Each structure stands twice: as structure tokens, then as C-alpha cells.
Amino acid sequence: MALVVEDIDAPDPSDPVKPWTCWVVANIPPTLKGLPEGFSGKEEEVGGDYACLKEGHNDYKVPGWRGPKLPSHGHRFQFRLFALDEQLKLGNKVSSKSYPCTHAILTLSTN
């Protein structure tokens, strides 16, 4: 599976509302029940089923979780979980744009 977390109300100078990718995680085994708090950047350290996870580059251009810098008004976050027909072999450049149409992707949740 793959997870993409976006701030769907992020401000952008050229477009006031533009989704901002905060986190991309690929190759999540379907047997996992969740991701532990503070997990980002510690896949190998945590080990087990977590060692095969691949964190991608967010819109800050760095891999891993990078939380938003929220202004005073509210923001909504979208968590999209994708079922993949195979593990993605994307090297170190996984991003929210890395999921080509050639992969059978099924959106499981958008809440």
C-alpha cells in the first residue's frame, strides 16, 4: 500500500489554495495496523515489517514527514491510502507524483 498526506488548503503565492504534500510512504505491508508515532526516518531502526517501507519526498523536497506551518485559519488534511498490485521500485525519489497509471491503484480512503 501507499499513503499520501496532503494539506488541501495550503496557501501558494500564485494560487491561494493548492494541495501541499506533507508525507508519502510506499510499500506498506497490508499486515501493518498502523505507523508508530515518531516513525518517520526510522524505518530500518524500527525494523520488522517497517524496514521495507519507503518514505518519499514531500513538497519541501525532503524525504519523510514534514508537518505544515499553519497560518491562523483552519486547514484540512487529506489522507489517501492506495492498494498497489506490487511493491514500487522507485529508488530515493518517491513522491506523490510517482504513481504512474501503469500501476493498478485503488483508492481505499480519502478521509
PDB file of N, CA and C in Angstrom:
ATOM      1  N   MET A   1       0.841  -1.172   0.000  1.00  0.00           N
ATOM      2  CA  MET A   1       0.000   0.000   0.000  1.00  0.00           C
ATOM      3  C   MET A   1       0.888   1.236   0.000  1.00  0.00           C
ATOM      4  N   ALA A   2       0.279   2.361  -0.273  1.00  0.00           N
ATOM      5  CA  ALA A   2       0.983   3.646  -0.239  1.00  0.00           C
ATOM      6  C   ALA A   2       0.072   4.679   0.415  1.00  0.00           C
ATOM      7  N   LEU A   3       0.685   5.597   1.154  1.00  0.00           N
ATOM      8  CA  LEU A   3      -0.041   6.651   1.852  1.00  0.00           C
ATOM      9  C   LEU A   3       0.468   8.004   1.385  1.00  0.00           C
ATOM     10  N   VAL A   4      -0.455   8.893   1.063  1.00  0.00           N
ATOM     11  CA  VAL A   4      -0.117  10.274   0.706  1.00  0.00           C
ATOM     12  C   VAL A   4      -0.928  11.182   1.624  1.00  0.00           C
ATOM     13  N   VAL A   5      -0.237  12.074   2.343  1.00  0.00           N
ATOM     14  CA  VAL A   5      -0.896  13.030   3.243  1.00  0.00           C
ATOM     15  C   VAL A   5      -0.690  14.423   2.671  1.00  0.00           C
ATOM     16  N   GLU A   6      -1.797  15.130   2.441  1.00  0.00           N
ATOM     17  CA  GLU A   6      -1.718  16.469   1.860  1.00  0.00           C
ATOM     18  C   GLU A   6      -2.541  17.468   2.660  1.00  0.00           C
ATOM     19  N   ASP A   7      -2.022  18.673   2.765  1.00  0.00           N
ATOM     20  CA  ASP A   7      -2.761  19.820   3.286  1.00  0.00           C
ATOM     21  C   ASP A   7      -3.508  20.374   2.080  1.00  0.00           C
ATOM     22  N   ILE A   8      -4.818  20.182   2.040  1.00  0.00           N
ATOM     23  CA  ILE A   8      -5.569  20.574   0.844  1.00  0.00           C
ATOM     24  C   ILE A   8      -5.974  22.046   0.845  1.00  0.00           C
ATOM     25  N   ASP A   9      -5.607  22.775   1.894  1.00  0.00           N
ATOM     26  CA  ASP A   9      -5.900  24.205   1.961  1.00  0.00           C
ATOM     27  C   ASP A   9      -4.633  25.054   1.982  1.00  0.00           C
ATOM     28  N   ALA A  10      -3.533  24.495   1.551  1.00  0.00           N
ATOM     29  CA  ALA A  10      -2.249  25.214   1.645  1.00  0.00           C
ATOM     30  C   ALA A  10      -2.243  26.459   0.765  1.00  0.00           C
ATOM     31  N   PRO A  11      -1.763  27.547   1.314  1.00  0.00           N
ATOM     32  CA  PRO A  11      -1.624  28.758   0.500  1.00  0.00           C
ATOM     33  C   PRO A  11      -0.406  28.656  -0.404  1.00  0.00           C
ATOM     34  N   ASP A  12      -0.547  29.261  -1.553  1.00  0.00           N
ATOM     35  CA  ASP A  12       0.532  29.333  -2.530  1.00  0.00           C
ATOM     36  C   ASP A  12       0.470  30.729  -3.139  1.00  0.00           C
ATOM     37  N   PRO A  13       1.604  31.411  -3.299  1.00  0.00           N
ATOM     38  CA  PRO A  13       1.568  32.777  -3.830  1.00  0.00           C
ATOM     39  C   PRO A  13       0.860  32.911  -5.176  1.00  0.00           C
ATOM     40  N   SER A  14       1.001  31.904  -6.042  1.00  0.00           N
ATOM     41  CA  SER A  14       0.378  32.013  -7.362  1.00  0.00           C
ATOM     42  C   SER A  14      -1.036  31.447  -7.402  1.00  0.00           C
ATOM     43  N   ASP A  15      -1.442  30.718  -6.381  1.00  0.00           N
ATOM     44  CA  ASP A  15      -2.761  30.102  -6.335  1.00  0.00           C
ATOM     45  C   ASP A  15      -3.133  29.937  -4.863  1.00  0.00           C
ATOM     46  N   PRO A  16      -4.103  30.673  -4.358  1.00  0.00           N
ATOM     47  CA  PRO A  16      -4.380  30.697  -2.926  1.00  0.00           C
ATOM     48  C   PRO A  16      -4.661  29.343  -2.277  1.00  0.00           C
ATOM     49  N   VAL A  17      -5.180  28.388  -3.012  1.00  0.00           N
ATOM     50  CA  VAL A  17      -5.450  27.079  -2.436  1.00  0.00           C
ATOM     51  C   VAL A  17      -4.846  26.018  -3.353  1.00  0.00           C
ATOM     52  N   LYS A  18      -3.834  25.331  -2.832  1.00  0.00           N
ATOM     53  CA  LYS A  18      -3.144  24.306  -3.609  1.00  0.00           C
ATOM     54  C   LYS A  18      -2.745  23.186  -2.655  1.00  0.00           C
ATOM     55  N   PRO A  19      -3.052  21.915  -2.974  1.00  0.00           N
ATOM     56  CA  PRO A  19      -2.638  20.830  -2.084  1.00  0.00           C
ATOM     57  C   PRO A  19      -1.122  20.820  -1.882  1.00  0.00           C
ATOM     58  N   TRP A  20      -0.702  20.600  -0.640  1.00  0.00           N
ATOM     59  CA  TRP A  20       0.718  20.574  -0.274  1.00  0.00           C
ATOM     60  C   TRP A  20       1.012  19.207   0.333  1.00  0.00           C
ATOM     61  N   THR A  21       1.903  18.447  -0.292  1.00  0.00           N
ATOM     62  CA  THR A  21       2.222  17.106   0.180  1.00  0.00           C
ATOM     63  C   THR A  21       3.122  17.175   1.402  1.00  0.00           C
ATOM     64  N   CYS A  22       2.637  16.603   2.514  1.00  0.00           N
ATOM     65  CA  CYS A  22       3.395  16.565   3.774  1.00  0.00           C
ATOM     66  C   CYS A  22       4.132  15.247   3.962  1.00  0.00           C
ATOM     67  N   TRP A  23       3.585  14.155   3.393  1.00  0.00           N
ATOM     68  CA  TRP A  23       4.198  12.845   3.621  1.00  0.00           C
ATOM     69  C   TRP A  23       3.781  11.879   2.533  1.00  0.00           C
ATOM     70  N   VAL A  24       4.727  11.070   2.075  1.00  0.00           N
ATOM     71  CA  VAL A  24       4.481   9.988   1.129  1.00  0.00           C
ATOM     72  C   VAL A  24       5.182   8.750   1.676  1.00  0.00           C
ATOM     73  N   VAL A  25       4.451   7.658   1.833  1.00  0.00           N
ATOM     74  CA  VAL A  25       5.030   6.398   2.296  1.00  0.00           C
ATOM     75  C   VAL A  25       4.576   5.303   1.339  1.00  0.00           C
ATOM     76  N   ALA A  26       5.523   4.566   0.766  1.00  0.00           N
ATOM     77  CA  ALA A  26       5.212   3.490  -0.177  1.00  0.00           C
ATOM     78  C   ALA A  26       5.630   2.146   0.408  1.00  0.00           C
ATOM     79  N   ASN A  27       5.120   1.085  -0.204  1.00  0.00           N
ATOM     80  CA  ASN A  27       5.451  -0.299   0.143  1.00  0.00           C
ATOM     81  C   ASN A  27       5.055  -0.653   1.580  1.00  0.00           C
ATOM     82  N   ILE A  28       3.881  -0.184   1.991  1.00  0.00           N
ATOM     83  CA  ILE A  28       3.351  -0.511   3.318  1.00  0.00           C
ATOM     84  C   ILE A  28       2.717  -1.902   3.241  1.00  0.00           C
ATOM     85  N   PRO A  29       3.214  -2.872   4.019  1.00  0.00           N
ATOM     86  CA  PRO A  29       2.587  -4.192   4.005  1.00  0.00           C
ATOM     87  C   PRO A  29       1.146  -4.106   4.523  1.00  0.00           C
ATOM     88  N   PRO A  30       0.210  -4.809   3.888  1.00  0.00           N
ATOM     89  CA  PRO A  30      -1.185  -4.741   4.340  1.00  0.00           C
ATOM     90  C   PRO A  30      -1.388  -5.340   5.729  1.00  0.00           C
ATOM     91  N   THR A  31      -0.388  -6.035   6.257  1.00  0.00           N
ATOM     92  CA  THR A  31      -0.495  -6.626   7.591  1.00  0.00           C
ATOM     93  C   THR A  31      -0.271  -5.607   8.703  1.00  0.00           C
ATOM     94  N   LEU A  32       0.308  -4.447   8.380  1.00  0.00           N
ATOM     95  CA  LEU A  32       0.552  -3.427   9.406  1.00  0.00           C
ATOM     96  C   LEU A  32      -0.764  -2.823   9.870  1.00  0.00           C
ATOM     97  N   LYS A  33      -0.873  -2.590  11.153  1.00  0.00           N
ATOM     98  CA  LYS A  33      -2.083  -2.000  11.740  1.00  0.00           C
ATOM     99  C   LYS A  33      -1.960  -0.494  11.900  1.00  0.00           C
ATOM    100  N   GLY A  34      -0.771   0.061  11.660  1.00  0.00           N
ATOM    101  CA  GLY A  34      -0.569   1.496  11.797  1.00  0.00           C
ATOM    102  C   GLY A  34       0.908   1.831  11.746  1.00  0.00           C
ATOM    103  N   LEU A  35       1.202   3.104  11.813  1.00  0.00           N
ATOM    104  CA  LEU A  35       2.580   3.592  11.839  1.00  0.00           C
ATOM    105  C   LEU A  35       2.799   4.241  13.202  1.00  0.00           C
ATOM    106  N   PRO A  36       3.861   3.857  13.920  1.00  0.00           N
ATOM    107  CA  PRO A  36       4.071   4.398  15.262  1.00  0.00           C
ATOM    108  C   PRO A  36       4.417   5.881  15.256  1.00  0.00           C
ATOM    109  N   GLU A  37       4.045   6.563  16.324  1.00  0.00           N
ATOM    110  CA  GLU A  37       4.370   7.980  16.473  1.00  0.00           C
ATOM    111  C   GLU A  37       5.886   8.163  16.407  1.00  0.00           C
ATOM    112  N   GLY A  38       6.323   9.187  15.693  1.00  0.00           N
ATOM    113  CA  GLY A  38       7.750   9.474  15.572  1.00  0.00           C
ATOM    114  C   GLY A  38       8.486   8.519  14.655  1.00  0.00           C
ATOM    115  N   PHE A  39       7.768   7.747  13.862  1.00  0.00           N
ATOM    116  CA  PHE A  39       8.351   6.724  12.996  1.00  0.00           C
ATOM    117  C   PHE A  39       9.168   7.290  11.837  1.00  0.00           C
ATOM    118  N   SER A  40       8.772   8.407  11.287  1.00  0.00           N
ATOM    119  CA  SER A  40       9.386   8.940  10.068  1.00  0.00           C
ATOM    120  C   SER A  40      10.904   9.021  10.187  1.00  0.00           C
ATOM    121  N   GLY A  41      11.590   8.452   9.184  1.00  0.00           N
ATOM    122  CA  GLY A  41      13.047   8.457   9.146  1.00  0.00           C
ATOM    123  C   GLY A  41      13.695   7.335   9.931  1.00  0.00           C
ATOM    124  N   LYS A  42      12.891   6.454  10.506  1.00  0.00           N
ATOM    125  CA  LYS A  42      13.445   5.389  11.358  1.00  0.00           C
ATOM    126  C   LYS A  42      13.038   3.993  10.887  1.00  0.00           C
ATOM    127  N   GLU A  43      12.789   3.818   9.585  1.00  0.00           N
ATOM    128  CA  GLU A  43      12.319   2.535   9.066  1.00  0.00           C
ATOM    129  C   GLU A  43      13.252   1.392   9.450  1.00  0.00           C
ATOM    130  N   GLU A  44      14.540   1.564   9.187  1.00  0.00           N
ATOM    131  CA  GLU A  44      15.499   0.490   9.462  1.00  0.00           C
ATOM    132  C   GLU A  44      15.697   0.297  10.960  1.00  0.00           C
ATOM    133  N   GLU A  45      15.687   1.377  11.706  1.00  0.00           N
ATOM    134  CA  GLU A  45      15.853   1.306  13.163  1.00  0.00           C
ATOM    135  C   GLU A  45      14.700   0.549  13.812  1.00  0.00           C
ATOM    136  N   VAL A  46      13.475   0.825  13.364  1.00  0.00           N
ATOM    137  CA  VAL A  46      12.294   0.153  13.906  1.00  0.00           C
ATOM    138  C   VAL A  46      12.296  -1.309  13.467  1.00  0.00           C
ATOM    139  N   GLY A  47      12.733  -1.570  12.213  1.00  0.00           N
ATOM    140  CA  GLY A  47      12.887  -2.927  11.698  1.00  0.00           C
ATOM    141  C   GLY A  47      11.581  -3.642  11.442  1.00  0.00           C
ATOM    142  N   GLY A  48      11.663  -4.961  11.355  1.00  0.00           N
ATOM    143  CA  GLY A  48      10.494  -5.787  11.085  1.00  0.00           C
ATOM    144  C   GLY A  48       9.834  -5.405   9.773  1.00  0.00           C
ATOM    145  N   ASP A  49       8.503  -5.392   9.783  1.00  0.00           N
ATOM    146  CA  ASP A  49       7.747  -5.030   8.580  1.00  0.00           C
ATOM    147  C   ASP A  49       7.975  -3.578   8.167  1.00  0.00           C
ATOM    148  N   TYR A  50       8.458  -2.761   9.094  1.00  0.00           N
ATOM    149  CA  TYR A  50       8.671  -1.347   8.793  1.00  0.00           C
ATOM    150  C   TYR A  50       9.912  -1.119   7.933  1.00  0.00           C
ATOM    151  N   ALA A  51      10.857  -2.054   7.952  1.00  0.00           N
ATOM    152  CA  ALA A  51      12.123  -1.876   7.227  1.00  0.00           C
ATOM    153  C   ALA A  51      11.925  -1.781   5.716  1.00  0.00           C
ATOM    154  N   CYS A  52      10.847  -2.346   5.181  1.00  0.00           N
ATOM    155  CA  CYS A  52      10.631  -2.320   3.727  1.00  0.00           C
ATOM    156  C   CYS A  52       9.909  -1.052   3.261  1.00  0.00           C
ATOM    157  N   LEU A  53       9.439  -0.227   4.199  1.00  0.00           N
ATOM    158  CA  LEU A  53       8.737   0.999   3.817  1.00  0.00           C
ATOM    159  C   LEU A  53       9.692   1.976   3.164  1.00  0.00           C
ATOM    160  N   LYS A  54       9.163   2.775   2.264  1.00  0.00           N
ATOM    161  CA  LYS A  54       9.951   3.790   1.575  1.00  0.00           C
ATOM    162  C   LYS A  54       9.253   5.128   1.750  1.00  0.00           C
ATOM    163  N   GLU A  55       9.935   6.072   2.409  1.00  0.00           N
ATOM    164  CA  GLU A  55       9.375   7.415   2.556  1.00  0.00           C
ATOM    165  C   GLU A  55       9.832   8.266   1.386  1.00  0.00           C
ATOM    166  N   GLY A  56       8.896   8.993   0.832  1.00  0.00           N
ATOM    167  CA  GLY A  56       9.210   9.802  -0.326  1.00  0.00           C
ATOM    168  C   GLY A  56       9.437  11.262  -0.002  1.00  0.00           C
ATOM    169  N   HIS A  57       9.763  12.004  -1.041  1.00  0.00           N
ATOM    170  CA  HIS A  57       9.975  13.444  -0.926  1.00  0.00           C
ATOM    171  C   HIS A  57       8.628  14.158  -0.847  1.00  0.00           C
ATOM    172  N   ASN A  58       8.519  15.050   0.109  1.00  0.00           N
ATOM    173  CA  ASN A  58       7.320  15.866   0.251  1.00  0.00           C
ATOM    174  C   ASN A  58       7.511  17.155  -0.556  1.00  0.00           C
ATOM    175  N   ASP A  59       6.594  18.084  -0.423  1.00  0.00           N
ATOM    176  CA  ASP A  59       6.714  19.332  -1.186  1.00  0.00           C
ATOM    177  C   ASP A  59       7.760  20.288  -0.627  1.00  0.00           C
ATOM    178  N   TYR A  60       8.385  19.910   0.490  1.00  0.00           N
ATOM    179  CA  TYR A  60       9.551  20.653   0.981  1.00  0.00           C
ATOM    180  C   TYR A  60      10.823  20.132   0.304  1.00  0.00           C
ATOM    181  N   LYS A  61      10.664  19.109  -0.557  1.00  0.00           N
ATOM    182  CA  LYS A  61      11.765  18.491  -1.315  1.00  0.00           C
ATOM    183  C   LYS A  61      12.699  17.670  -0.435  1.00  0.00           C
ATOM    184  N   VAL A  62      12.201  17.154   0.688  1.00  0.00           N
ATOM    185  CA  VAL A  62      12.980  16.276   1.559  1.00  0.00           C
ATOM    186  C   VAL A  62      12.155  15.022   1.840  1.00  0.00           C
ATOM    187  N   PRO A  63      12.804  13.880   2.072  1.00  0.00           N
ATOM    188  CA  PRO A  63      12.043  12.669   2.379  1.00  0.00           C
ATOM    189  C   PRO A  63      11.519  12.692   3.811  1.00  0.00           C
ATOM    190  N   GLY A  64      10.399  11.995   4.017  1.00  0.00           N
ATOM    191  CA  GLY A  64       9.838  11.860   5.357  1.00  0.00           C
ATOM    192  C   GLY A  64       8.707  12.830   5.643  1.00  0.00           C
ATOM    193  N   TRP A  65       8.215  12.747   6.880  1.00  0.00           N
ATOM    194  CA  TRP A  65       7.130  13.627   7.332  1.00  0.00           C
ATOM    195  C   TRP A  65       7.662  15.025   7.542  1.00  0.00           C
ATOM    196  N   ARG A  66       6.940  15.978   7.039  1.00  0.00           N
ATOM    197  CA  ARG A  66       7.268  17.381   7.286  1.00  0.00           C
ATOM    198  C   ARG A  66       5.944  18.074   7.506  1.00  0.00           C
ATOM    199  N   GLY A  67       5.622  18.284   8.745  1.00  0.00           N
ATOM    200  CA  GLY A  67       4.344  18.873   9.110  1.00  0.00           C
ATOM    201  C   GLY A  67       4.169  20.272   8.568  1.00  0.00           C
ATOM    202  N   PRO A  68       2.950  20.705   8.502  1.00  0.00           N
ATOM    203  CA  PRO A  68       2.636  22.016   7.948  1.00  0.00           C
ATOM    204  C   PRO A  68       3.014  23.152   8.886  1.00  0.00           C
ATOM    205  N   LYS A  69       3.192  24.319   8.300  1.00  0.00           N
ATOM    206  CA  LYS A  69       3.362  25.563   9.059  1.00  0.00           C
ATOM    207  C   LYS A  69       2.059  26.325   8.864  1.00  0.00           C
ATOM    208  N   LEU A  70       1.158  26.130   9.795  1.00  0.00           N
ATOM    209  CA  LEU A  70      -0.198  26.639   9.619  1.00  0.00           C
ATOM    210  C   LEU A  70      -0.333  28.114   9.964  1.00  0.00           C
ATOM    211  N   PRO A  71      -1.022  28.855   9.093  1.00  0.00           N
ATOM    212  CA  PRO A  71      -1.400  30.216   9.446  1.00  0.00           C
ATOM    213  C   PRO A  71      -2.581  30.152  10.418  1.00  0.00           C
ATOM    214  N   SER A  72      -3.148  31.292  10.732  1.00  0.00           N
ATOM    215  CA  SER A  72      -4.207  31.334  11.741  1.00  0.00           C
ATOM    216  C   SER A  72      -5.502  30.654  11.300  1.00  0.00           C
ATOM    217  N   HIS A  73      -5.797  30.611  10.010  1.00  0.00           N
ATOM    218  CA  HIS A  73      -7.057  29.986   9.597  1.00  0.00           C
ATOM    219  C   HIS A  73      -6.903  28.464   9.528  1.00  0.00           C
ATOM    220  N   GLY A  74      -8.026  27.767   9.585  1.00  0.00           N
ATOM    221  CA  GLY A  74      -8.027  26.307   9.614  1.00  0.00           C
ATOM    222  C   GLY A  74      -7.573  25.672   8.310  1.00  0.00           C
ATOM    223  N   HIS A  75      -7.062  24.479   8.427  1.00  0.00           N
ATOM    224  CA  HIS A  75      -6.629  23.695   7.275  1.00  0.00           C
ATOM    225  C   HIS A  75      -7.215  22.299   7.385  1.00  0.00           C
ATOM    226  N   ARG A  76      -7.538  21.725   6.235  1.00  0.00           N
ATOM    227  CA  ARG A  76      -7.990  20.340   6.166  1.00  0.00           C
ATOM    228  C   ARG A  76      -6.847  19.497   5.613  1.00  0.00           C
ATOM    229  N   PHE A  77      -6.747  18.263   6.100  1.00  0.00           N
ATOM    230  CA  PHE A  77      -5.723  17.343   5.623  1.00  0.00           C
ATOM    231  C   PHE A  77      -6.392  16.127   5.014  1.00  0.00           C
ATOM    232  N   GLN A  78      -5.851  15.693   3.880  1.00  0.00           N
ATOM    233  CA  GLN A  78      -6.388  14.538   3.183  1.00  0.00           C
ATOM    234  C   GLN A  78      -5.381  13.396   3.309  1.00  0.00           C
ATOM    235  N   PHE A  79      -5.858  12.255   3.797  1.00  0.00           N
ATOM    236  CA  PHE A  79      -5.049  11.045   3.901  1.00  0.00           C
ATOM    237  C   PHE A  79      -5.573  10.083   2.842  1.00  0.00           C
ATOM    238  N   ARG A  80      -4.737   9.781   1.846  1.00  0.00           N
ATOM    239  CA  ARG A  80      -5.146   8.844   0.791  1.00  0.00           C
ATOM    240  C   ARG A  80      -4.306   7.580   0.921  1.00  0.00           C
ATOM    241  N   LEU A  81      -4.994   6.453   1.045  1.00  0.00           N
ATOM    242  CA  LEU A  81      -4.336   5.165   1.152  1.00  0.00           C
ATOM    243  C   LEU A  81      -4.626   4.391  -0.125  1.00  0.00           C
ATOM    244  N   PHE A  82      -3.561   3.949  -0.794  1.00  0.00           N
ATOM    245  CA  PHE A  82      -3.695   3.247  -2.068  1.00  0.00           C
ATOM    246  C   PHE A  82      -3.306   1.783  -1.911  1.00  0.00           C
ATOM    247  N   ALA A  83      -4.073   0.894  -2.519  1.00  0.00           N
ATOM    248  CA  ALA A  83      -3.692  -0.514  -2.613  1.00  0.00           C
ATOM    249  C   ALA A  83      -2.931  -0.666  -3.925  1.00  0.00           C
ATOM    250  N   LEU A  84      -1.769  -1.274  -3.864  1.00  0.00           N
ATOM    251  CA  LEU A  84      -0.927  -1.444  -5.045  1.00  0.00           C
ATOM    252  C   LEU A  84      -0.873  -2.915  -5.424  1.00  0.00           C
ATOM    253  N   ASP A  85      -0.755  -3.184  -6.714  1.00  0.00           N
ATOM    254  CA  ASP A  85      -0.680  -4.573  -7.151  1.00  0.00           C
ATOM    255  C   ASP A  85       0.719  -5.160  -6.985  1.00  0.00           C
ATOM    256  N   GLU A  86       1.712  -4.320  -6.689  1.00  0.00           N
ATOM    257  CA  GLU A  86       3.085  -4.780  -6.467  1.00  0.00           C
ATOM    258  C   GLU A  86       3.850  -3.706  -5.710  1.00  0.00           C
ATOM    259  N   GLN A  87       4.986  -4.096  -5.103  1.00  0.00           N
ATOM    260  CA  GLN A  87       5.818  -3.100  -4.434  1.00  0.00           C
ATOM    261  C   GLN A  87       6.412  -2.182  -5.485  1.00  0.00           C
ATOM    262  N   LEU A  88       6.499  -0.907  -5.162  1.00  0.00           N
ATOM    263  CA  LEU A  88       7.071   0.063  -6.085  1.00  0.00           C
ATOM    264  C   LEU A  88       8.581   0.085  -5.933  1.00  0.00           C
ATOM    265  N   LYS A  89       9.275   0.099  -7.056  1.00  0.00           N
ATOM    266  CA  LYS A  89      10.733   0.177  -7.068  1.00  0.00           C
ATOM    267  C   LYS A  89      11.103   1.547  -7.617  1.00  0.00           C
ATOM    268  N   LEU A  90      11.110   2.534  -6.743  1.00  0.00           N
ATOM    269  CA  LEU A  90      11.266   3.919  -7.176  1.00  0.00           C
ATOM    270  C   LEU A  90      12.553   4.569  -6.697  1.00  0.00           C
ATOM    271  N   GLY A  91      13.451   3.813  -6.094  1.00  0.00           N
ATOM    272  CA  GLY A  91      14.703   4.403  -5.623  1.00  0.00           C
ATOM    273  C   GLY A  91      14.454   5.425  -4.531  1.00  0.00           C
ATOM    274  N   ASN A  92      15.244   6.483  -4.510  1.00  0.00           N
ATOM    275  CA  ASN A  92      15.143   7.505  -3.466  1.00  0.00           C
ATOM    276  C   ASN A  92      14.260   8.678  -3.852  1.00  0.00           C
ATOM    277  N   LYS A  93      13.570   8.602  -4.953  1.00  0.00           N
ATOM    278  CA  LYS A  93      12.793   9.744  -5.423  1.00  0.00           C
ATOM    279  C   LYS A  93      11.297   9.473  -5.425  1.00  0.00           C
ATOM    280  N   VAL A  94      10.809   8.798  -4.414  1.00  0.00           N
ATOM    281  CA  VAL A  94       9.371   8.589  -4.286  1.00  0.00           C
ATOM    282  C   VAL A  94       8.726   9.934  -3.992  1.00  0.00           C
ATOM    283  N   SER A  95       7.621  10.231  -4.635  1.00  0.00           N
ATOM    284  CA  SER A  95       6.880  11.457  -4.350  1.00  0.00           C
ATOM    285  C   SER A  95       5.405  11.190  -4.607  1.00  0.00           C
ATOM    286  N   SER A  96       4.574  12.159  -4.332  1.00  0.00           N
ATOM    287  CA  SER A  96       3.143  11.978  -4.588  1.00  0.00           C
ATOM    288  C   SER A  96       2.860  11.887  -6.080  1.00  0.00           C
ATOM    289  N   LYS A  97       3.810  12.291  -6.911  1.00  0.00           N
ATOM    290  CA  LYS A  97       3.650  12.221  -8.363  1.00  0.00           C
ATOM    291  C   LYS A  97       4.223  10.932  -8.928  1.00  0.00           C
ATOM    292  N   SER A  98       4.706  10.016  -8.075  1.00  0.00           N
ATOM    293  CA  SER A  98       5.410   8.805  -8.502  1.00  0.00           C
ATOM    294  C   SER A  98       4.500   7.659  -8.903  1.00  0.00           C
ATOM    295  N   TYR A  99       3.209   7.807  -8.796  1.00  0.00           N
ATOM    296  CA  TYR A  99       2.322   6.694  -9.044  1.00  0.00           C
ATOM    297  C   TYR A  99       1.758   6.755 -10.456  1.00  0.00           C
ATOM    298  N   PRO A 100       2.457   6.137 -11.416  1.00  0.00           N
ATOM    299  CA  PRO A 100       2.008   6.190 -12.811  1.00  0.00           C
ATOM    300  C   PRO A 100       0.747   5.362 -13.026  1.00  0.00           C
ATOM    301  N   CYS A 101       0.047   5.670 -14.087  1.00  0.00           N
ATOM    302  CA  CYS A 101      -1.201   4.978 -14.405  1.00  0.00           C
ATOM    303  C   CYS A 101      -0.978   3.501 -14.707  1.00  0.00           C
ATOM    304  N   THR A 102       0.267   3.087 -14.959  1.00  0.00           N
ATOM    305  CA  THR A 102       0.523   1.688 -15.272  1.00  0.00           C
ATOM    306  C   THR A 102       0.369   0.787 -14.060  1.00  0.00           C
ATOM    307  N   HIS A 103       0.363   1.345 -12.851  1.00  0.00           N
ATOM    308  CA  HIS A 103       0.132   0.548 -11.650  1.00  0.00           C
ATOM    309  C   HIS A 103      -1.364   0.503 -11.372  1.00  0.00           C
ATOM    310  N   ALA A 104      -1.835  -0.662 -10.981  1.00  0.00           N
ATOM    311  CA  ALA A 104      -3.248  -0.786 -10.617  1.00  0.00           C
ATOM    312  C   ALA A 104      -3.416  -0.199  -9.222  1.00  0.00           C
ATOM    313  N   ILE A 105      -3.945   1.000  -9.161  1.00  0.00           N
ATOM    314  CA  ILE A 105      -4.105   1.696  -7.890  1.00  0.00           C
ATOM    315  C   ILE A 105      -5.592   1.841  -7.596  1.00  0.00           C
ATOM    316  N   LEU A 106      -5.945   1.506  -6.396  1.00  0.00           N
ATOM    317  CA  LEU A 106      -7.322   1.618  -5.954  1.00  0.00           C
ATOM    318  C   LEU A 106      -7.351   2.521  -4.735  1.00  0.00           C
ATOM    319  N   THR A 107      -8.092   3.597  -4.791  1.00  0.00           N
ATOM    320  CA  THR A 107      -8.215   4.466  -3.626  1.00  0.00           C
ATOM    321  C   THR A 107      -9.108   3.782  -2.602  1.00  0.00           C
ATOM    322  N   LEU A 108      -8.541   3.540  -1.416  1.00  0.00           N
ATOM    323  CA  LEU A 108      -9.300   2.887  -0.355  1.00  0.00           C
ATOM    324  C   LEU A 108      -9.983   3.891   0.547  1.00  0.00           C
ATOM    325  N   SER A 109      -9.332   5.041   0.781  1.00  0.00           N
ATOM    326  CA  SER A 109      -9.883   6.015   1.707  1.00  0.00           C
ATOM    327  C   SER A 109      -9.381   7.395   1.362  1.00  0.00           C
ATOM    328  N   THR A 110     -10.240   8.383   1.485  1.00  0.00           N
ATOM    329  CA  THR A 110      -9.819   9.764   1.270  1.00  0.00           C
ATOM    330  C   THR A 110     -10.161  10.625   2.472  1.00  0.00           C
ATOM    331  N   ASN A 111     -10.378  10.031   3.608  1.00  0.00           N
ATOM    332  CA  ASN A 111     -10.702  10.789   4.821  1.00  0.00           C
ATOM    333  C   ASN A 111      -9.544  10.771   5.779  1.00  0.00           C
TER     334      ASN A 111
END
